[in-house]
Amino acid sequence: MIRLDNLISEITQWIDDNIHQPLSIEDVAARAGYSKWHLQRVFVQMKGENIAAYIRDRKLTLAANDLVKSHDKILDISFRYGFDSQQSFTRSFSRKYRIPPQKYRRLYAERHY
């Protein structure tokens, strides 16, 4: 039987490798071969956050990187990471980073261009 830490490492790697795809808890559970309820319980136990929060955090981290290292429109970045609109992206981004994406870009992008 696969150890739980190996399972979670495998699953987080799979999520990271597929982060540009729409990912649901059902997709992750199917990949893991466990029920979504069991996988969610184990994931929270091992990572301290649920699967959806992990996915959202990874997408926002990558989006922040794109804001700083590219000239892509914020709308394009928001769609790239599966947000339904620029407004929902801005809301989630602002919750995580405490500033909106445009301001984040202005503060940090000049260091990379």
N, C-alpha and C. Protein backbone atom coordinates (compact mmCIF):
# COMPACT_ATOMS: atom_id res chain seq x y z
N MET A 1 0.84 -1.19 0.00
CA MET A 1 0.00 0.00 0.00
C MET A 1 0.88 1.25 0.00
N ILE A 2 0.50 2.21 -0.79
CA ILE A 2 1.28 3.44 -0.92
C ILE A 2 1.19 4.28 0.37
N ARG A 3 2.32 4.80 0.79
CA ARG A 3 2.34 5.63 1.99
C ARG A 3 1.62 6.94 1.70
N LEU A 4 0.99 7.49 2.74
CA LEU A 4 0.21 8.71 2.55
C LEU A 4 1.06 9.89 2.10
N ASP A 5 2.27 10.04 2.66
CA ASP A 5 3.10 11.16 2.23
C ASP A 5 3.53 11.01 0.77
N ASN A 6 3.76 9.78 0.33
CA ASN A 6 4.08 9.54 -1.09
C ASN A 6 2.87 9.86 -1.97
N LEU A 7 1.70 9.46 -1.51
CA LEU A 7 0.47 9.74 -2.25
C LEU A 7 0.28 11.24 -2.41
N ILE A 8 0.42 11.99 -1.34
CA ILE A 8 0.21 13.43 -1.40
C ILE A 8 1.28 14.10 -2.25
N SER A 9 2.51 13.64 -2.16
CA SER A 9 3.58 14.17 -3.01
C SER A 9 3.28 13.92 -4.49
N GLU A 10 2.82 12.70 -4.77
CA GLU A 10 2.47 12.35 -6.14
C GLU A 10 1.31 13.21 -6.65
N ILE A 11 0.31 13.38 -5.82
CA ILE A 11 -0.86 14.17 -6.21
C ILE A 11 -0.51 15.64 -6.41
N THR A 12 0.27 16.22 -5.50
CA THR A 12 0.65 17.63 -5.65
C THR A 12 1.51 17.82 -6.91
N GLN A 13 2.37 16.86 -7.21
CA GLN A 13 3.16 16.95 -8.45
C GLN A 13 2.25 16.88 -9.67
N TRP A 14 1.27 15.99 -9.64
CA TRP A 14 0.33 15.87 -10.75
C TRP A 14 -0.47 17.16 -10.92
N ILE A 15 -0.90 17.75 -9.81
CA ILE A 15 -1.62 19.02 -9.87
C ILE A 15 -0.72 20.08 -10.49
N ASP A 16 0.51 20.19 -10.02
CA ASP A 16 1.45 21.18 -10.56
C ASP A 16 1.70 20.97 -12.06
N ASP A 17 1.80 19.72 -12.48
CA ASP A 17 2.02 19.41 -13.90
C ASP A 17 0.81 19.72 -14.76
N ASN A 18 -0.36 19.76 -14.16
CA ASN A 18 -1.61 19.98 -14.91
C ASN A 18 -2.31 21.28 -14.52
N ILE A 19 -1.58 22.20 -13.93
CA ILE A 19 -2.18 23.40 -13.35
C ILE A 19 -2.88 24.29 -14.39
N HIS A 20 -2.48 24.20 -15.65
CA HIS A 20 -3.11 25.02 -16.68
C HIS A 20 -4.42 24.40 -17.20
N GLN A 21 -4.75 23.23 -16.71
CA GLN A 21 -6.00 22.57 -17.08
C GLN A 21 -7.05 22.86 -16.01
N PRO A 22 -8.31 22.81 -16.39
CA PRO A 22 -9.34 22.89 -15.34
C PRO A 22 -9.21 21.66 -14.43
N LEU A 23 -9.06 21.88 -13.15
CA LEU A 23 -8.90 20.78 -12.21
C LEU A 23 -10.00 20.83 -11.16
N SER A 24 -10.64 19.71 -10.96
CA SER A 24 -11.65 19.61 -9.90
C SER A 24 -11.17 18.58 -8.88
N ILE A 25 -11.79 18.61 -7.74
CA ILE A 25 -11.46 17.62 -6.71
C ILE A 25 -11.74 16.21 -7.24
N GLU A 26 -12.79 16.08 -8.05
CA GLU A 26 -13.13 14.79 -8.63
C GLU A 26 -12.01 14.29 -9.55
N ASP A 27 -11.41 15.21 -10.35
CA ASP A 27 -10.30 14.84 -11.22
C ASP A 27 -9.11 14.34 -10.41
N VAL A 28 -8.80 15.06 -9.35
CA VAL A 28 -7.65 14.71 -8.51
C VAL A 28 -7.90 13.37 -7.82
N ALA A 29 -9.12 13.17 -7.32
CA ALA A 29 -9.46 11.92 -6.65
C ALA A 29 -9.40 10.74 -7.62
N ALA A 30 -9.88 10.95 -8.84
CA ALA A 30 -9.83 9.89 -9.85
C ALA A 30 -8.38 9.54 -10.16
N ARG A 31 -7.54 10.53 -10.27
CA ARG A 31 -6.11 10.30 -10.52
C ARG A 31 -5.48 9.51 -9.37
N ALA A 32 -5.88 9.84 -8.15
CA ALA A 32 -5.32 9.18 -6.96
C ALA A 32 -5.89 7.78 -6.75
N GLY A 33 -7.09 7.56 -7.28
CA GLY A 33 -7.72 6.27 -7.09
C GLY A 33 -8.43 6.14 -5.75
N TYR A 34 -8.79 7.27 -5.16
CA TYR A 34 -9.50 7.29 -3.87
C TYR A 34 -10.77 8.11 -4.02
N SER A 35 -11.68 7.93 -3.08
CA SER A 35 -12.87 8.77 -3.09
C SER A 35 -12.43 10.20 -2.78
N LYS A 36 -13.20 11.16 -3.28
CA LYS A 36 -12.82 12.55 -3.02
C LYS A 36 -12.87 12.87 -1.53
N TRP A 37 -13.74 12.21 -0.80
CA TRP A 37 -13.87 12.47 0.64
C TRP A 37 -12.62 11.99 1.39
N HIS A 38 -12.19 10.78 1.05
CA HIS A 38 -11.00 10.24 1.71
C HIS A 38 -9.76 11.04 1.33
N LEU A 39 -9.61 11.32 0.04
CA LEU A 39 -8.44 12.07 -0.42
C LEU A 39 -8.41 13.46 0.21
N GLN A 40 -9.55 14.10 0.28
CA GLN A 40 -9.62 15.44 0.89
C GLN A 40 -9.18 15.38 2.36
N ARG A 41 -9.65 14.38 3.06
CA ARG A 41 -9.31 14.21 4.48
C ARG A 41 -7.80 14.01 4.65
N VAL A 42 -7.23 13.14 3.83
CA VAL A 42 -5.79 12.86 3.90
C VAL A 42 -4.99 14.09 3.48
N PHE A 43 -5.43 14.77 2.45
CA PHE A 43 -4.73 15.96 1.95
C PHE A 43 -4.67 17.04 3.03
N VAL A 44 -5.80 17.29 3.66
CA VAL A 44 -5.84 18.30 4.73
C VAL A 44 -4.93 17.88 5.88
N GLN A 45 -4.96 16.62 6.22
CA GLN A 45 -4.12 16.11 7.30
C GLN A 45 -2.63 16.32 6.99
N MET A 46 -2.23 16.09 5.74
CA MET A 46 -0.81 16.17 5.37
C MET A 46 -0.36 17.58 5.00
N LYS A 47 -1.23 18.37 4.34
CA LYS A 47 -0.83 19.68 3.82
C LYS A 47 -1.37 20.85 4.63
N GLY A 48 -2.37 20.60 5.46
CA GLY A 48 -2.93 21.69 6.26
C GLY A 48 -3.90 22.57 5.51
N GLU A 49 -4.25 22.21 4.29
CA GLU A 49 -5.26 22.93 3.51
C GLU A 49 -5.96 21.94 2.60
N ASN A 50 -7.14 22.32 2.14
CA ASN A 50 -7.87 21.39 1.27
C ASN A 50 -7.34 21.49 -0.17
N ILE A 51 -7.76 20.56 -1.00
CA ILE A 51 -7.26 20.47 -2.37
C ILE A 51 -7.59 21.73 -3.16
N ALA A 52 -8.81 22.22 -3.03
CA ALA A 52 -9.21 23.41 -3.79
C ALA A 52 -8.35 24.61 -3.40
N ALA A 53 -8.06 24.77 -2.12
CA ALA A 53 -7.22 25.88 -1.66
C ALA A 53 -5.80 25.73 -2.21
N TYR A 54 -5.28 24.51 -2.23
CA TYR A 54 -3.95 24.27 -2.78
C TYR A 54 -3.90 24.66 -4.26
N ILE A 55 -4.89 24.21 -5.02
CA ILE A 55 -4.94 24.51 -6.45
C ILE A 55 -5.04 26.01 -6.67
N ARG A 56 -5.93 26.67 -5.96
CA ARG A 56 -6.10 28.12 -6.09
C ARG A 56 -4.80 28.86 -5.74
N ASP A 57 -4.15 28.44 -4.67
CA ASP A 57 -2.91 29.08 -4.26
C ASP A 57 -1.82 28.91 -5.32
N ARG A 58 -1.70 27.71 -5.88
CA ARG A 58 -0.70 27.46 -6.93
C ARG A 58 -0.98 28.33 -8.16
N LYS A 59 -2.25 28.41 -8.55
CA LYS A 59 -2.62 29.22 -9.71
C LYS A 59 -2.32 30.70 -9.46
N LEU A 60 -2.60 31.18 -8.27
CA LEU A 60 -2.33 32.59 -7.96
C LEU A 60 -0.83 32.87 -7.90
N THR A 61 -0.06 31.93 -7.40
CA THR A 61 1.40 32.10 -7.37
C THR A 61 1.96 32.19 -8.79
N LEU A 62 1.50 31.31 -9.66
CA LEU A 62 1.96 31.34 -11.05
C LEU A 62 1.48 32.60 -11.77
N ALA A 63 0.25 33.02 -11.48
CA ALA A 63 -0.28 34.25 -12.07
C ALA A 63 0.54 35.46 -11.62
N ALA A 64 0.92 35.50 -10.35
CA ALA A 64 1.75 36.60 -9.84
C ALA A 64 3.08 36.63 -10.58
N ASN A 65 3.65 35.46 -10.82
CA ASN A 65 4.90 35.37 -11.58
C ASN A 65 4.70 35.90 -13.01
N ASP A 66 3.59 35.52 -13.64
CA ASP A 66 3.30 36.00 -15.00
C ASP A 66 3.11 37.52 -15.02
N LEU A 67 2.48 38.06 -14.01
CA LEU A 67 2.29 39.52 -13.94
C LEU A 67 3.62 40.25 -13.95
N VAL A 68 4.58 39.69 -13.25
CA VAL A 68 5.88 40.33 -13.09
C VAL A 68 6.78 40.10 -14.30
N LYS A 69 6.70 38.92 -14.90
CA LYS A 69 7.66 38.54 -15.94
C LYS A 69 7.13 38.64 -17.37
N SER A 70 5.88 39.06 -17.53
CA SER A 70 5.34 39.16 -18.89
C SER A 70 4.59 40.49 -19.05
N HIS A 71 4.28 40.76 -20.30
CA HIS A 71 3.45 41.93 -20.61
C HIS A 71 2.01 41.50 -20.92
N ASP A 72 1.67 40.25 -20.62
CA ASP A 72 0.34 39.74 -20.92
C ASP A 72 -0.72 40.55 -20.18
N LYS A 73 -1.86 40.68 -20.81
CA LYS A 73 -2.98 41.39 -20.18
C LYS A 73 -3.44 40.61 -18.95
N ILE A 74 -3.91 41.34 -17.97
CA ILE A 74 -4.40 40.70 -16.75
C ILE A 74 -5.57 39.76 -17.07
N LEU A 75 -6.41 40.16 -17.98
CA LEU A 75 -7.53 39.30 -18.38
C LEU A 75 -7.02 37.98 -18.94
N ASP A 76 -5.99 38.03 -19.78
CA ASP A 76 -5.42 36.80 -20.36
C ASP A 76 -4.82 35.91 -19.27
N ILE A 77 -4.14 36.52 -18.32
CA ILE A 77 -3.55 35.76 -17.22
C ILE A 77 -4.65 35.11 -16.38
N SER A 78 -5.71 35.88 -16.14
CA SER A 78 -6.81 35.32 -15.33
C SER A 78 -7.44 34.12 -16.02
N PHE A 79 -7.65 34.20 -17.33
CA PHE A 79 -8.23 33.06 -18.07
C PHE A 79 -7.25 31.89 -18.14
N ARG A 80 -5.96 32.18 -18.27
CA ARG A 80 -4.93 31.14 -18.34
C ARG A 80 -5.00 30.23 -17.12
N TYR A 81 -5.32 30.80 -15.97
CA TYR A 81 -5.35 30.02 -14.74
C TYR A 81 -6.76 29.64 -14.31
N GLY A 82 -7.70 29.73 -15.25
CA GLY A 82 -9.02 29.16 -15.02
C GLY A 82 -10.01 30.01 -14.27
N PHE A 83 -9.74 31.30 -14.14
CA PHE A 83 -10.71 32.17 -13.48
C PHE A 83 -11.79 32.55 -14.49
N ASP A 84 -13.02 32.67 -14.02
CA ASP A 84 -14.15 32.95 -14.90
C ASP A 84 -14.13 34.37 -15.44
N SER A 85 -13.54 35.28 -14.69
CA SER A 85 -13.51 36.69 -15.10
C SER A 85 -12.32 37.37 -14.45
N GLN A 86 -12.01 38.55 -14.96
CA GLN A 86 -10.94 39.33 -14.35
C GLN A 86 -11.35 39.76 -12.94
N GLN A 87 -12.63 39.99 -12.72
CA GLN A 87 -13.11 40.38 -11.39
C GLN A 87 -12.88 39.28 -10.37
N SER A 88 -13.20 38.04 -10.72
CA SER A 88 -12.99 36.94 -9.76
C SER A 88 -11.50 36.72 -9.52
N PHE A 89 -10.69 36.88 -10.57
CA PHE A 89 -9.24 36.78 -10.41
C PHE A 89 -8.73 37.88 -9.48
N THR A 90 -9.17 39.10 -9.71
CA THR A 90 -8.73 40.24 -8.89
C THR A 90 -9.13 40.04 -7.44
N ARG A 91 -10.32 39.55 -7.21
CA ARG A 91 -10.79 39.29 -5.85
C ARG A 91 -9.90 38.26 -5.14
N SER A 92 -9.65 37.14 -5.81
CA SER A 92 -8.81 36.09 -5.22
C SER A 92 -7.38 36.56 -5.06
N PHE A 93 -6.86 37.23 -6.06
CA PHE A 93 -5.48 37.73 -6.02
C PHE A 93 -5.31 38.72 -4.87
N SER A 94 -6.26 39.63 -4.74
CA SER A 94 -6.19 40.65 -3.68
C SER A 94 -6.30 40.03 -2.30
N ARG A 95 -7.08 38.97 -2.17
CA ARG A 95 -7.19 38.26 -0.90
C ARG A 95 -5.84 37.65 -0.50
N LYS A 96 -5.14 37.08 -1.47
CA LYS A 96 -3.86 36.42 -1.19
C LYS A 96 -2.73 37.43 -0.99
N TYR A 97 -2.63 38.42 -1.87
CA TYR A 97 -1.48 39.32 -1.86
C TYR A 97 -1.76 40.69 -1.22
N ARG A 98 -2.99 40.93 -0.86
CA ARG A 98 -3.39 42.18 -0.20
C ARG A 98 -3.31 43.41 -1.09
N ILE A 99 -3.09 43.22 -2.39
CA ILE A 99 -3.15 44.31 -3.37
C ILE A 99 -3.67 43.73 -4.68
N PRO A 100 -4.31 44.56 -5.50
CA PRO A 100 -4.83 44.06 -6.77
C PRO A 100 -3.69 43.76 -7.77
N PRO A 101 -3.99 42.93 -8.77
CA PRO A 101 -2.96 42.52 -9.73
C PRO A 101 -2.24 43.68 -10.42
N GLN A 102 -2.97 44.70 -10.83
CA GLN A 102 -2.34 45.81 -11.54
C GLN A 102 -1.31 46.51 -10.66
N LYS A 103 -1.65 46.73 -9.42
CA LYS A 103 -0.72 47.38 -8.49
C LYS A 103 0.47 46.46 -8.21
N TYR A 104 0.21 45.18 -8.06
CA TYR A 104 1.28 44.20 -7.85
C TYR A 104 2.28 44.27 -9.01
N ARG A 105 1.75 44.31 -10.24
CA ARG A 105 2.61 44.39 -11.43
C ARG A 105 3.44 45.67 -11.40
N ARG A 106 2.80 46.79 -11.10
CA ARG A 106 3.54 48.06 -11.06
C ARG A 106 4.64 48.04 -10.01
N LEU A 107 4.37 47.43 -8.86
CA LEU A 107 5.36 47.40 -7.78
C LEU A 107 6.55 46.50 -8.08
N TYR A 108 6.30 45.36 -8.72
CA TYR A 108 7.35 44.35 -8.86
C TYR A 108 7.88 44.17 -10.27
N ALA A 109 7.14 44.55 -11.30
CA ALA A 109 7.56 44.28 -12.67
C ALA A 109 8.78 45.07 -13.08
N GLU A 110 8.93 46.29 -12.60
CA GLU A 110 10.06 47.11 -13.05
C GLU A 110 11.39 46.47 -12.69
N ARG A 111 11.42 45.60 -11.74
CA ARG A 111 12.65 44.91 -11.36
C ARG A 111 13.02 43.83 -12.37
N HIS A 112 12.06 43.43 -13.22
CA HIS A 112 12.32 42.30 -14.10
C HIS A 112 12.39 42.69 -15.58
N TYR A 113 12.04 43.91 -15.94
CA TYR A 113 12.08 44.30 -17.36
C TYR A 113 13.39 44.95 -17.70
